[in-house]
């Protein structure tokens, strides 16, 4: 009986190529099938976070980066876009409650994605939510749920400069008490806020001033 011959390297390579192609097609199919749901979930999570970081908000308007300022965004804020967006929250009477600003940067493990609320009238951050984080469980991940740490962002002044201090050493409204045992993750949050506020605060402050000027003009026009 003739011994069976081992398959040739060419046949093995062909089999591997077919298997790889099928695996790739399956992965692409799963991605395409789940992507809309993932995007919806992210949009819903973002919307919920906006209401958290801007207490009293009833209406949300999206704005896009526009040169040295911002301008109204006409697209669907829940749909994928290449535009860089921020969100203005208003009360039922139209009074602006503040701006919700997404920000991200390097953490201890991976990228940390935040959303913070900024009140131009008080020049203060008035809320912060962690949207995405892979920080160390039980340590760095406390940036998302540690109540003492989160309390730093209920009225955090942005002037003269946001500063991280050891837990228990906070003495000024621009300082942030670090989480014991998670100083790197705490510092990452502060660094993300420093970079983001440097970029966005001049823009949203200018937008607020422009809105007040236009409001006074409209009021004067009605009275004439």
N, C-alpha and C. Protein backbone atom coordinates (compact mmCIF):
# COMPACT_ATOMS: atom_id res chain seq x y z
N UNK A 1 0.87 -1.20 0.00
CA UNK A 1 0.00 0.00 0.00
C UNK A 1 0.89 1.23 0.00
N UNK A 2 0.56 2.09 -0.89
CA UNK A 2 1.40 3.29 -1.05
C UNK A 2 1.13 4.27 0.08
N UNK A 3 2.18 4.73 0.71
CA UNK A 3 2.04 5.68 1.82
C UNK A 3 1.39 6.96 1.33
N UNK A 4 0.48 7.48 2.16
CA UNK A 4 -0.20 8.72 1.79
C UNK A 4 0.80 9.87 1.81
N UNK A 5 0.70 10.68 0.83
CA UNK A 5 1.61 11.82 0.73
C UNK A 5 1.10 13.01 1.54
N UNK A 6 1.99 13.69 2.19
CA UNK A 6 1.61 14.88 2.94
C UNK A 6 1.21 15.99 1.97
N UNK A 7 0.23 16.81 2.36
CA UNK A 7 -0.19 17.89 1.46
C UNK A 7 0.96 18.83 1.18
N UNK A 8 0.98 19.35 -0.01
CA UNK A 8 2.05 20.27 -0.41
C UNK A 8 1.92 21.60 0.33
N UNK A 9 3.05 22.30 0.40
CA UNK A 9 3.05 23.61 1.05
C UNK A 9 2.13 24.58 0.33
N UNK A 10 2.00 24.42 -0.98
CA UNK A 10 1.11 25.30 -1.75
C UNK A 10 -0.34 25.10 -1.34
N UNK A 11 -0.71 23.80 -1.14
CA UNK A 11 -2.09 23.53 -0.72
C UNK A 11 -2.35 24.06 0.69
N UNK A 12 -1.37 23.90 1.56
CA UNK A 12 -1.52 24.42 2.92
C UNK A 12 -1.68 25.95 2.91
N UNK A 13 -0.86 26.58 2.07
CA UNK A 13 -0.96 28.04 1.99
C UNK A 13 -2.32 28.46 1.46
N UNK A 14 -2.83 27.70 0.48
CA UNK A 14 -4.15 28.02 -0.06
C UNK A 14 -5.25 27.85 0.96
N UNK A 15 -5.15 26.77 1.75
CA UNK A 15 -6.16 26.53 2.79
C UNK A 15 -6.14 27.63 3.85
N UNK A 16 -4.93 28.04 4.23
CA UNK A 16 -4.81 29.12 5.22
C UNK A 16 -5.36 30.43 4.68
N UNK A 17 -5.12 30.67 3.39
CA UNK A 17 -5.61 31.90 2.78
C UNK A 17 -7.12 31.93 2.76
N UNK A 18 -7.74 30.78 2.41
CA UNK A 18 -9.21 30.70 2.38
C UNK A 18 -9.77 30.88 3.78
N UNK A 19 -9.15 30.23 4.77
CA UNK A 19 -9.61 30.35 6.15
C UNK A 19 -9.50 31.79 6.64
N UNK A 20 -8.38 32.45 6.29
CA UNK A 20 -8.20 33.84 6.68
C UNK A 20 -9.21 34.76 6.04
N UNK A 21 -9.50 34.48 4.75
CA UNK A 21 -10.49 35.30 4.05
C UNK A 21 -11.88 35.15 4.66
N UNK A 22 -12.26 33.91 4.97
CA UNK A 22 -13.57 33.66 5.59
C UNK A 22 -13.66 34.32 6.96
N UNK A 23 -12.58 34.21 7.74
CA UNK A 23 -12.57 34.84 9.06
C UNK A 23 -12.71 36.35 8.95
N UNK A 24 -11.99 36.93 7.96
CA UNK A 24 -12.08 38.37 7.75
C UNK A 24 -13.47 38.81 7.36
N UNK A 25 -14.10 38.03 6.48
CA UNK A 25 -15.46 38.37 6.05
C UNK A 25 -16.44 38.29 7.22
N UNK A 26 -16.25 37.29 8.08
CA UNK A 26 -17.13 37.16 9.25
C UNK A 26 -16.95 38.35 10.18
N UNK A 27 -15.69 38.74 10.42
CA UNK A 27 -15.42 39.88 11.31
C UNK A 27 -16.01 41.17 10.74
N UNK A 28 -15.85 41.39 9.45
CA UNK A 28 -16.41 42.58 8.81
C UNK A 28 -17.93 42.57 8.92
N UNK A 29 -18.53 41.41 8.70
CA UNK A 29 -19.99 41.31 8.80
C UNK A 29 -20.50 41.62 10.19
N UNK A 30 -19.80 41.08 11.20
CA UNK A 30 -20.19 41.35 12.59
C UNK A 30 -20.04 42.84 12.90
N UNK A 31 -18.93 43.43 12.44
CA UNK A 31 -18.69 44.86 12.67
C UNK A 31 -19.79 45.71 12.06
N UNK A 32 -20.13 45.43 10.79
CA UNK A 32 -21.16 46.21 10.11
C UNK A 32 -22.52 46.03 10.77
N UNK A 33 -22.78 44.83 11.28
CA UNK A 33 -24.07 44.56 11.90
C UNK A 33 -24.21 45.25 13.26
N UNK A 34 -23.10 45.33 13.99
CA UNK A 34 -23.16 45.88 15.35
C UNK A 34 -22.83 47.37 15.42
N UNK A 35 -22.20 47.92 14.38
CA UNK A 35 -21.77 49.31 14.43
C UNK A 35 -22.91 50.29 14.67
N UNK A 36 -24.05 50.17 13.99
CA UNK A 36 -25.15 51.11 14.26
C UNK A 36 -25.60 51.09 15.72
N UNK A 37 -25.68 49.90 16.30
CA UNK A 37 -26.09 49.80 17.70
C UNK A 37 -25.06 50.43 18.61
N UNK A 38 -23.77 50.21 18.33
CA UNK A 38 -22.71 50.81 19.13
C UNK A 38 -22.78 52.33 19.06
N UNK A 39 -23.00 52.85 17.87
CA UNK A 39 -23.10 54.30 17.69
C UNK A 39 -24.30 54.87 18.43
N UNK A 40 -25.43 54.15 18.38
CA UNK A 40 -26.62 54.61 19.12
C UNK A 40 -26.35 54.62 20.61
N UNK A 41 -25.71 53.57 21.10
CA UNK A 41 -25.42 53.50 22.53
C UNK A 41 -24.49 54.63 22.96
N UNK A 42 -23.50 54.93 22.13
CA UNK A 42 -22.57 56.02 22.46
C UNK A 42 -23.29 57.35 22.46
N UNK A 43 -24.17 57.56 21.47
CA UNK A 43 -24.92 58.82 21.39
C UNK A 43 -25.82 58.97 22.61
N UNK A 44 -26.47 57.88 23.02
CA UNK A 44 -27.35 57.93 24.19
C UNK A 44 -26.55 58.19 25.46
N UNK A 45 -25.37 57.54 25.57
CA UNK A 45 -24.52 57.75 26.74
C UNK A 45 -24.03 59.19 26.80
N UNK A 46 -23.68 59.75 25.64
CA UNK A 46 -23.22 61.14 25.59
C UNK A 46 -24.34 62.08 26.00
N UNK A 47 -25.53 61.86 25.48
CA UNK A 47 -26.67 62.72 25.80
C UNK A 47 -26.97 62.67 27.30
N UNK A 48 -26.96 61.47 27.87
CA UNK A 48 -27.22 61.33 29.30
C UNK A 48 -26.15 62.05 30.12
N UNK A 49 -24.89 61.95 29.66
CA UNK A 49 -23.79 62.60 30.37
C UNK A 49 -23.91 64.12 30.30
N UNK A 50 -24.39 64.65 29.18
CA UNK A 50 -24.55 66.10 29.06
C UNK A 50 -25.51 66.62 30.11
N UNK A 51 -26.62 65.92 30.31
CA UNK A 51 -27.59 66.34 31.32
C UNK A 51 -26.98 66.26 32.73
N UNK A 52 -26.06 65.33 32.94
CA UNK A 52 -25.44 65.19 34.26
C UNK A 52 -24.45 66.32 34.53
N UNK A 53 -23.65 66.69 33.54
CA UNK A 53 -22.61 67.70 33.78
C UNK A 53 -23.16 69.12 33.68
N UNK A 54 -24.39 69.27 33.16
CA UNK A 54 -25.02 70.58 33.08
C UNK A 54 -26.39 70.51 33.76
N UNK A 55 -26.41 70.53 35.08
CA UNK A 55 -27.68 70.43 35.81
C UNK A 55 -28.65 71.53 35.39
N UNK A 56 -29.93 71.15 35.25
CA UNK A 56 -30.96 72.11 34.88
C UNK A 56 -31.16 72.27 33.39
N UNK A 57 -30.39 71.52 32.60
CA UNK A 57 -30.50 71.62 31.13
C UNK A 57 -31.77 70.94 30.64
N UNK A 58 -32.46 71.61 29.73
CA UNK A 58 -33.65 71.06 29.09
C UNK A 58 -33.45 70.91 27.58
N UNK A 59 -32.57 71.73 27.02
CA UNK A 59 -32.33 71.70 25.58
C UNK A 59 -30.83 71.66 25.30
N UNK A 60 -30.45 70.84 24.32
CA UNK A 60 -29.05 70.71 23.94
C UNK A 60 -28.87 71.14 22.49
N UNK A 61 -27.92 72.03 22.25
CA UNK A 61 -27.57 72.46 20.89
C UNK A 61 -26.10 72.15 20.65
N UNK A 62 -25.81 71.56 19.49
CA UNK A 62 -24.43 71.21 19.15
C UNK A 62 -23.76 72.34 18.39
N UNK A 63 -22.49 72.54 18.67
CA UNK A 63 -21.68 73.55 17.98
C UNK A 63 -20.41 72.88 17.49
N UNK A 64 -19.90 73.37 16.37
CA UNK A 64 -18.67 72.81 15.81
C UNK A 64 -17.54 73.81 15.90
N UNK A 65 -16.33 73.28 15.87
CA UNK A 65 -15.13 74.11 15.84
C UNK A 65 -15.14 74.93 14.55
N UNK A 66 -14.95 76.24 14.67
CA UNK A 66 -15.01 77.12 13.50
C UNK A 66 -13.96 78.20 13.65
N UNK A 67 -12.76 77.93 13.11
CA UNK A 67 -11.69 78.90 13.23
C UNK A 67 -11.32 79.12 14.69
N UNK A 68 -11.37 80.37 15.11
CA UNK A 68 -11.05 80.70 16.50
C UNK A 68 -12.27 80.66 17.40
N UNK A 69 -13.42 80.25 16.85
CA UNK A 69 -14.64 80.20 17.63
C UNK A 69 -15.44 78.95 17.37
N UNK A 70 -16.74 79.04 17.61
CA UNK A 70 -17.65 77.92 17.35
C UNK A 70 -18.85 78.45 16.58
N UNK A 71 -19.50 77.57 15.85
CA UNK A 71 -20.71 77.94 15.12
C UNK A 71 -21.70 76.78 15.22
N UNK A 72 -23.01 77.05 15.07
CA UNK A 72 -24.02 76.00 15.20
C UNK A 72 -23.76 74.85 14.22
N UNK A 73 -23.94 73.64 14.71
CA UNK A 73 -23.77 72.44 13.88
C UNK A 73 -25.13 72.03 13.36
N UNK A 74 -25.27 71.89 12.05
CA UNK A 74 -26.56 71.62 11.43
C UNK A 74 -26.87 70.13 11.28
N UNK A 75 -25.87 69.27 11.44
CA UNK A 75 -26.09 67.84 11.26
C UNK A 75 -26.69 67.19 12.49
N UNK A 76 -26.85 65.88 12.42
CA UNK A 76 -27.36 65.10 13.54
C UNK A 76 -26.21 64.87 14.52
N UNK A 77 -26.28 65.45 15.73
CA UNK A 77 -25.17 65.31 16.67
C UNK A 77 -24.94 63.89 17.13
N UNK A 78 -25.93 63.00 16.93
CA UNK A 78 -25.78 61.61 17.32
C UNK A 78 -25.15 60.74 16.25
N UNK A 79 -24.99 61.28 15.05
CA UNK A 79 -24.43 60.53 13.92
C UNK A 79 -22.92 60.73 13.86
N UNK A 80 -22.18 59.75 13.32
CA UNK A 80 -20.73 59.92 13.18
C UNK A 80 -20.39 61.13 12.33
N UNK A 81 -19.38 61.87 12.74
CA UNK A 81 -18.97 63.04 12.00
C UNK A 81 -17.48 63.30 12.23
N UNK A 82 -16.87 63.96 11.26
CA UNK A 82 -15.47 64.35 11.41
C UNK A 82 -15.35 65.71 12.10
N UNK A 83 -16.48 66.37 12.32
CA UNK A 83 -16.46 67.66 12.99
C UNK A 83 -16.15 67.47 14.48
N UNK A 84 -15.49 68.46 15.07
CA UNK A 84 -15.25 68.47 16.51
C UNK A 84 -16.39 69.25 17.15
N UNK A 85 -17.17 68.59 18.01
CA UNK A 85 -18.39 69.19 18.54
C UNK A 85 -18.30 69.46 20.04
N UNK A 86 -18.97 70.53 20.45
CA UNK A 86 -19.27 70.80 21.86
C UNK A 86 -20.76 71.07 21.95
N UNK A 87 -21.29 71.11 23.17
CA UNK A 87 -22.74 71.15 23.32
C UNK A 87 -23.14 72.22 24.34
N UNK A 88 -24.07 73.08 23.92
CA UNK A 88 -24.58 74.13 24.82
C UNK A 88 -25.89 73.67 25.43
N UNK A 89 -25.97 73.73 26.74
CA UNK A 89 -27.19 73.34 27.44
C UNK A 89 -27.96 74.56 27.88
N UNK A 90 -29.29 74.52 27.65
CA UNK A 90 -30.15 75.65 28.03
C UNK A 90 -31.31 75.17 28.88
N UNK A 91 -31.80 76.05 29.74
CA UNK A 91 -32.97 75.76 30.55
C UNK A 91 -34.22 75.93 29.71
N UNK A 92 -35.37 75.61 30.29
CA UNK A 92 -36.63 75.72 29.55
C UNK A 92 -36.92 77.15 29.12
N UNK A 93 -36.44 78.14 29.90
CA UNK A 93 -36.67 79.55 29.55
C UNK A 93 -35.62 80.10 28.60
N UNK A 94 -34.69 79.24 28.14
CA UNK A 94 -33.66 79.68 27.20
C UNK A 94 -32.36 80.11 27.86
N UNK A 95 -32.34 80.21 29.18
CA UNK A 95 -31.12 80.62 29.87
C UNK A 95 -30.04 79.55 29.70
N UNK A 96 -28.85 79.98 29.32
CA UNK A 96 -27.74 79.04 29.09
C UNK A 96 -27.23 78.52 30.44
N UNK A 97 -27.19 77.20 30.56
CA UNK A 97 -26.70 76.57 31.78
C UNK A 97 -25.20 76.29 31.71
N UNK A 98 -24.67 76.24 30.49
CA UNK A 98 -23.24 76.00 30.34
C UNK A 98 -22.94 75.21 29.08
N UNK A 99 -21.72 74.78 28.98
CA UNK A 99 -21.24 74.03 27.81
C UNK A 99 -20.72 72.67 28.25
N UNK A 100 -21.10 71.63 27.51
CA UNK A 100 -20.58 70.29 27.74
C UNK A 100 -19.50 70.03 26.69
N UNK A 101 -18.31 69.70 27.15
CA UNK A 101 -17.15 69.63 26.27
C UNK A 101 -16.49 68.25 26.39
N UNK A 102 -16.46 67.48 25.30
CA UNK A 102 -15.74 66.20 25.32
C UNK A 102 -14.23 66.45 25.31
N UNK A 103 -13.49 65.57 25.97
CA UNK A 103 -12.03 65.68 26.00
C UNK A 103 -11.44 64.30 26.22
N UNK A 104 -10.24 64.09 25.73
CA UNK A 104 -9.58 62.80 25.92
C UNK A 104 -8.08 62.97 25.95
N UNK A 105 -7.43 61.96 26.53
CA UNK A 105 -5.97 61.98 26.62
C UNK A 105 -5.47 60.69 27.21
N UNK A 106 -4.16 60.57 27.33
CA UNK A 106 -3.55 59.34 27.80
C UNK A 106 -3.75 59.15 29.30
N UNK A 107 -4.18 57.94 29.67
CA UNK A 107 -4.25 57.56 31.07
C UNK A 107 -3.12 56.63 31.41
N UNK A 108 -3.22 55.92 32.53
CA UNK A 108 -2.19 54.98 32.93
C UNK A 108 -2.19 53.76 32.02
N UNK A 109 -3.39 53.26 31.65
CA UNK A 109 -3.51 52.06 30.84
C UNK A 109 -3.76 52.38 29.36
N UNK A 110 -4.65 53.33 29.11
CA UNK A 110 -5.08 53.61 27.75
C UNK A 110 -5.70 55.00 27.73
N UNK A 111 -6.34 55.33 26.62
CA UNK A 111 -6.97 56.64 26.49
C UNK A 111 -8.16 56.77 27.43
N UNK A 112 -8.26 57.92 28.07
CA UNK A 112 -9.41 58.26 28.91
C UNK A 112 -10.24 59.28 28.16
N UNK A 113 -11.53 59.04 28.06
CA UNK A 113 -12.44 59.96 27.38
C UNK A 113 -13.38 60.55 28.43
N UNK A 114 -13.42 61.87 28.50
CA UNK A 114 -14.23 62.59 29.50
C UNK A 114 -15.26 63.48 28.82
N UNK A 115 -16.23 63.89 29.62
CA UNK A 115 -17.12 64.99 29.25
C UNK A 115 -17.23 65.87 30.49
N UNK A 116 -16.97 67.16 30.33
CA UNK A 116 -17.10 68.05 31.48
C UNK A 116 -18.01 69.23 31.14
N UNK A 117 -18.65 69.74 32.17
CA UNK A 117 -19.52 70.90 32.01
C UNK A 117 -18.80 72.16 32.45
N UNK A 118 -18.95 73.21 31.68
CA UNK A 118 -18.29 74.49 32.00
C UNK A 118 -19.32 75.60 32.02
N UNK A 119 -19.34 76.37 33.10
CA UNK A 119 -20.24 77.51 33.24
C UNK A 119 -19.44 78.79 33.04
N UNK A 120 -19.65 79.49 31.90
CA UNK A 120 -18.89 80.72 31.66
C UNK A 120 -19.14 81.80 32.70
N UNK A 121 -20.34 81.83 33.25
CA UNK A 121 -20.67 82.88 34.23
C UNK A 121 -19.82 82.73 35.49
N UNK A 122 -19.55 81.50 35.89
CA UNK A 122 -18.75 81.25 37.08
C UNK A 122 -17.29 80.94 36.76
N UNK A 123 -16.99 80.78 35.46
CA UNK A 123 -15.65 80.38 35.03
C UNK A 123 -15.20 79.15 35.83
N UNK A 124 -16.09 78.16 35.81
CA UNK A 124 -15.83 76.96 36.60
C UNK A 124 -16.35 75.72 35.88
N UNK A 125 -15.68 74.62 36.11
CA UNK A 125 -16.19 73.31 35.69
C UNK A 125 -17.22 72.89 36.73
N UNK A 126 -18.40 72.47 36.27
CA UNK A 126 -19.50 72.19 37.19
C UNK A 126 -19.94 70.72 37.13
N UNK A 127 -19.17 69.89 36.46
CA UNK A 127 -19.49 68.47 36.40
C UNK A 127 -18.51 67.75 35.50
N UNK A 128 -18.29 66.46 35.77
CA UNK A 128 -17.38 65.67 34.95
C UNK A 128 -17.86 64.22 34.94
N UNK A 129 -17.90 63.63 33.75
CA UNK A 129 -18.25 62.23 33.60
C UNK A 129 -17.18 61.52 32.78
N UNK A 130 -16.82 60.32 33.19
CA UNK A 130 -15.88 59.49 32.42
C UNK A 130 -16.69 58.66 31.43
N UNK A 131 -16.47 58.89 30.14
CA UNK A 131 -17.20 58.16 29.11
C UNK A 131 -16.52 56.84 28.76
N UNK A 132 -15.20 56.83 28.72
CA UNK A 132 -14.44 55.62 28.40
C UNK A 132 -13.16 55.60 29.22
N UNK A 133 -12.85 54.42 29.78
CA UNK A 133 -11.62 54.29 30.56
C UNK A 133 -11.28 52.81 30.72
N UNK A 134 -10.00 52.50 30.65
CA UNK A 134 -9.52 51.15 30.92
C UNK A 134 -8.48 51.18 32.04
N UNK A 135 -8.66 52.11 32.97
CA UNK A 135 -7.73 52.22 34.07
C UNK A 135 -7.82 51.01 35.00
N UNK A 136 -6.80 50.81 35.80
CA UNK A 136 -6.68 49.62 36.65
C UNK A 136 -7.90 49.45 37.56
N UNK A 137 -8.58 48.31 37.48
CA UNK A 137 -9.75 48.06 38.36
C UNK A 137 -9.36 48.17 39.83
N UNK A 138 -10.19 48.88 40.57
CA UNK A 138 -9.95 49.04 42.00
C UNK A 138 -9.02 50.17 42.36
N UNK A 139 -8.34 50.73 41.36
CA UNK A 139 -7.44 51.86 41.61
C UNK A 139 -7.76 53.00 40.66
N UNK A 140 -7.16 52.96 39.47
CA UNK A 140 -7.36 54.05 38.51
C UNK A 140 -8.79 54.21 38.06
N UNK A 141 -9.56 53.11 38.04
CA UNK A 141 -10.95 53.24 37.57
C UNK A 141 -11.82 54.02 38.54
N UNK A 142 -11.28 54.36 39.72
CA UNK A 142 -12.04 55.16 40.67
C UNK A 142 -12.31 56.57 40.16
N UNK A 143 -11.59 57.00 39.12
CA UNK A 143 -11.87 58.32 38.56
C UNK A 143 -13.30 58.43 38.07
N UNK A 144 -13.94 57.28 37.81
CA UNK A 144 -15.31 57.31 37.29
C UNK A 144 -16.37 57.29 38.38
N UNK A 145 -16.03 56.77 39.58
CA UNK A 145 -17.10 56.61 40.57
C UNK A 145 -16.74 57.02 42.00
N UNK A 146 -15.49 57.34 42.27
CA UNK A 146 -15.13 57.78 43.62
C UNK A 146 -15.79 59.13 43.92
N UNK A 147 -16.68 59.14 44.88
CA UNK A 147 -17.49 60.34 45.15
C UNK A 147 -16.64 61.52 45.61
N UNK A 148 -15.61 61.25 46.40
CA UNK A 148 -14.76 62.36 46.86
C UNK A 148 -14.04 62.99 45.67
N UNK A 149 -13.55 62.15 44.76
CA UNK A 149 -12.85 62.67 43.59
C UNK A 149 -13.82 63.42 42.68
N UNK A 150 -15.00 62.86 42.46
CA UNK A 150 -15.98 63.50 41.59
C UNK A 150 -16.45 64.84 42.14
N UNK A 151 -16.44 64.96 43.47
CA UNK A 151 -16.88 66.22 44.09
C UNK A 151 -15.97 67.38 43.72
N UNK A 152 -14.72 67.08 43.32
CA UNK A 152 -13.80 68.14 42.89
C UNK A 152 -14.37 68.96 41.74
N UNK A 153 -15.23 68.31 40.93
CA UNK A 153 -15.66 68.92 39.67
C UNK A 153 -17.07 69.50 39.73
N UNK A 154 -17.58 69.70 40.94
CA UNK A 154 -18.88 70.35 41.09
C UNK A 154 -18.76 71.87 41.00
N UNK A 155 -17.58 72.38 41.36
CA UNK A 155 -17.33 73.83 41.31
C UNK A 155 -15.82 74.03 41.27
N UNK A 156 -15.22 73.61 40.17
CA UNK A 156 -13.77 73.68 40.02
C UNK A 156 -13.39 74.90 39.18
N UNK A 157 -12.79 75.87 39.81
CA UNK A 157 -12.40 77.08 39.10
C UNK A 157 -11.26 76.77 38.12
N UNK A 158 -11.30 77.41 36.97
CA UNK A 158 -10.28 77.17 35.95
C UNK A 158 -9.14 78.18 36.03
N UNK A 159 -9.28 79.19 36.89
CA UNK A 159 -8.23 80.18 37.11
C UNK A 159 -7.78 80.12 38.55
N UNK A 160 -6.46 80.32 38.83
CA UNK A 160 -5.43 80.62 37.84
C UNK A 160 -5.07 79.44 36.95
N UNK A 161 -5.17 78.22 37.47
CA UNK A 161 -4.87 77.02 36.70
C UNK A 161 -5.28 75.80 37.52
N UNK A 162 -5.95 74.84 36.88
CA UNK A 162 -6.34 73.63 37.59
C UNK A 162 -5.08 72.91 38.08
N UNK A 163 -5.10 72.50 39.34
CA UNK A 163 -3.90 71.94 39.96
C UNK A 163 -4.25 70.69 40.76
N UNK A 164 -3.46 69.63 40.60
CA UNK A 164 -3.65 68.41 41.37
C UNK A 164 -2.84 68.47 42.65
N UNK A 165 -3.48 68.08 43.78
CA UNK A 165 -2.78 68.03 45.07
C UNK A 165 -3.08 66.68 45.72
N UNK A 166 -2.29 66.32 46.72
CA UNK A 166 -2.53 65.08 47.44
C UNK A 166 -3.88 65.15 48.16
N UNK A 167 -4.51 63.98 48.32
CA UNK A 167 -5.81 63.94 48.97
C UNK A 167 -5.74 64.54 50.37
N UNK A 168 -6.67 65.45 50.63
CA UNK A 168 -6.72 66.11 51.92
C UNK A 168 -5.97 67.42 51.97
N UNK A 169 -5.26 67.77 50.88
CA UNK A 169 -4.47 69.01 50.88
C UNK A 169 -5.10 70.11 50.05
N UNK A 170 -6.32 69.90 49.59
CA UNK A 170 -6.99 70.92 48.79
C UNK A 170 -7.38 72.10 49.66
N UNK A 171 -6.94 73.29 49.26
CA UNK A 171 -7.24 74.51 50.02
C UNK A 171 -7.82 75.62 49.15
N UNK A 172 -7.83 75.41 47.82
CA UNK A 172 -8.28 76.45 46.90
C UNK A 172 -9.26 75.85 45.89
N UNK A 173 -10.18 76.69 45.36
CA UNK A 173 -11.21 76.18 44.46
C UNK A 173 -10.72 75.72 43.10
N UNK A 174 -9.43 75.99 42.77
CA UNK A 174 -8.89 75.52 41.49
C UNK A 174 -8.10 74.23 41.65
N UNK A 175 -8.09 73.67 42.87
CA UNK A 175 -7.31 72.46 43.14
C UNK A 175 -8.19 71.21 43.12
N UNK A 176 -7.55 70.07 42.79
CA UNK A 176 -8.22 68.78 42.73
C UNK A 176 -7.53 67.82 43.68
N UNK A 177 -8.30 67.24 44.62
CA UNK A 177 -7.78 66.22 45.51
C UNK A 177 -7.57 64.92 44.73
N UNK A 178 -6.35 64.40 44.72
CA UNK A 178 -6.06 63.15 44.02
C UNK A 178 -6.67 61.97 44.76
N UNK A 179 -6.82 60.86 44.05
CA UNK A 179 -7.27 59.60 44.64
C UNK A 179 -6.04 58.89 45.20
N UNK A 180 -6.07 58.52 46.46
CA UNK A 180 -4.96 57.80 47.07
C UNK A 180 -4.73 56.47 46.35
N UNK A 181 -3.50 56.24 45.93
CA UNK A 181 -3.17 55.01 45.22
C UNK A 181 -3.42 55.07 43.73
N UNK A 182 -3.98 56.17 43.26
CA UNK A 182 -4.26 56.32 41.82
C UNK A 182 -3.87 57.72 41.37
N UNK A 183 -2.68 58.14 41.80
CA UNK A 183 -2.21 59.49 41.46
C UNK A 183 -2.03 59.67 39.96
N UNK A 184 -1.55 58.63 39.27
CA UNK A 184 -1.31 58.76 37.83
C UNK A 184 -2.61 58.99 37.08
N UNK A 185 -3.64 58.22 37.42
CA UNK A 185 -4.94 58.39 36.76
C UNK A 185 -5.56 59.73 37.13
N UNK A 186 -5.42 60.14 38.38
CA UNK A 186 -5.92 61.45 38.80
C UNK A 186 -5.24 62.57 38.03
N UNK A 187 -3.92 62.46 37.89
CA UNK A 187 -3.17 63.48 37.16
C UNK A 187 -3.55 63.48 35.69
N UNK A 188 -3.84 62.28 35.15
CA UNK A 188 -4.25 62.19 33.75
C UNK A 188 -5.53 62.98 33.52
N UNK A 189 -6.49 62.87 34.43
CA UNK A 189 -7.75 63.63 34.32
C UNK A 189 -7.46 65.13 34.32
N UNK A 190 -6.62 65.57 35.25
CA UNK A 190 -6.28 66.99 35.35
C UNK A 190 -5.58 67.47 34.08
N UNK A 191 -4.65 66.67 33.58
CA UNK A 191 -3.94 67.06 32.35
C UNK A 191 -4.89 67.16 31.16
N UNK A 192 -5.83 66.23 31.08
CA UNK A 192 -6.82 66.28 29.99
C UNK A 192 -7.64 67.57 30.09
N UNK A 193 -8.05 67.91 31.30
CA UNK A 193 -8.84 69.14 31.48
C UNK A 193 -8.02 70.39 31.17
N UNK A 194 -6.75 70.38 31.55
CA UNK A 194 -5.90 71.54 31.27
C UNK A 194 -5.76 71.75 29.76
N UNK A 195 -5.51 70.69 29.04
CA UNK A 195 -5.35 70.80 27.59
C UNK A 195 -6.65 71.23 26.92
N UNK A 196 -7.77 70.65 27.38
CA UNK A 196 -9.05 70.96 26.75
C UNK A 196 -9.51 72.37 27.05
N UNK A 197 -9.38 72.79 28.30
CA UNK A 197 -9.83 74.15 28.65
C UNK A 197 -9.01 75.20 27.93
N UNK A 198 -7.74 74.92 27.71
CA UNK A 198 -6.90 75.87 26.97
C UNK A 198 -7.42 76.04 25.54
N UNK A 199 -7.92 74.96 24.96
CA UNK A 199 -8.42 75.01 23.59
C UNK A 199 -9.82 75.61 23.52
N UNK A 200 -10.70 75.19 24.42
CA UNK A 200 -12.12 75.48 24.25
C UNK A 200 -12.64 76.70 25.00
N UNK A 201 -12.09 77.00 26.15
CA UNK A 201 -12.67 78.08 26.95
C UNK A 201 -12.66 79.43 26.25
N UNK A 202 -11.58 79.82 25.57
CA UNK A 202 -11.64 81.09 24.84
C UNK A 202 -12.76 81.11 23.80
N UNK A 203 -13.02 79.96 23.18
CA UNK A 203 -14.04 79.88 22.13
C UNK A 203 -15.45 79.98 22.71
N UNK A 204 -15.73 79.22 23.76
CA UNK A 204 -17.09 79.26 24.30
C UNK A 204 -17.35 80.54 25.06
N UNK A 205 -16.31 81.13 25.67
CA UNK A 205 -16.48 82.43 26.31
C UNK A 205 -16.82 83.50 25.26
N UNK A 206 -16.12 83.43 24.11
CA UNK A 206 -16.41 84.38 23.03
C UNK A 206 -17.81 84.17 22.48
N UNK A 207 -18.24 82.91 22.36
CA UNK A 207 -19.58 82.62 21.87
C UNK A 207 -20.64 83.16 22.83
N UNK A 208 -20.37 83.07 24.12
CA UNK A 208 -21.31 83.59 25.11
C UNK A 208 -21.42 85.10 25.05
N UNK A 209 -20.29 85.77 24.88
CA UNK A 209 -20.31 87.23 24.77
C UNK A 209 -21.06 87.67 23.52
N UNK A 210 -20.84 86.96 22.40
CA UNK A 210 -21.53 87.30 21.17
C UNK A 210 -23.03 87.12 21.31
N UNK A 211 -23.44 86.05 22.00
CA UNK A 211 -24.87 85.79 22.19
C UNK A 211 -25.51 86.89 23.04
N UNK A 212 -24.77 87.37 24.05
CA UNK A 212 -25.32 88.44 24.90
C UNK A 212 -25.45 89.74 24.11
N UNK A 213 -24.46 90.02 23.25
CA UNK A 213 -24.53 91.23 22.41
C UNK A 213 -25.73 91.15 21.48
N UNK A 214 -25.91 90.01 20.84
CA UNK A 214 -27.04 89.85 19.92
C UNK A 214 -28.37 89.92 20.66
N UNK A 215 -28.39 89.40 21.88
CA UNK A 215 -29.61 89.46 22.68
C UNK A 215 -29.98 90.89 23.03
N UNK A 216 -28.97 91.72 23.36
CA UNK A 216 -29.24 93.12 23.67
C UNK A 216 -29.73 93.87 22.43
N UNK A 217 -29.16 93.54 21.27
CA UNK A 217 -29.60 94.19 20.03
C UNK A 217 -31.06 93.83 19.73
N UNK A 218 -31.39 92.56 19.90
CA UNK A 218 -32.78 92.13 19.64
C UNK A 218 -33.73 92.82 20.60
N UNK A 219 -33.30 92.96 21.86
CA UNK A 219 -34.15 93.61 22.85
C UNK A 219 -34.36 95.07 22.50
N UNK A 220 -33.30 95.74 22.05
CA UNK A 220 -33.42 97.14 21.66
C UNK A 220 -34.31 97.31 20.44
N UNK A 221 -34.22 96.35 19.52
CA UNK A 221 -35.03 96.41 18.30
C UNK A 221 -36.50 96.29 18.60
N UNK A 222 -36.83 95.42 19.56
CA UNK A 222 -38.24 95.23 19.92
C UNK A 222 -38.80 96.48 20.55
N UNK A 223 -37.96 97.18 21.30
CA UNK A 223 -38.45 98.35 22.01
C UNK A 223 -38.62 99.55 21.11
N UNK A 224 -38.02 99.57 19.92
CA UNK A 224 -38.10 100.76 19.04
C UNK A 224 -39.42 100.82 18.28
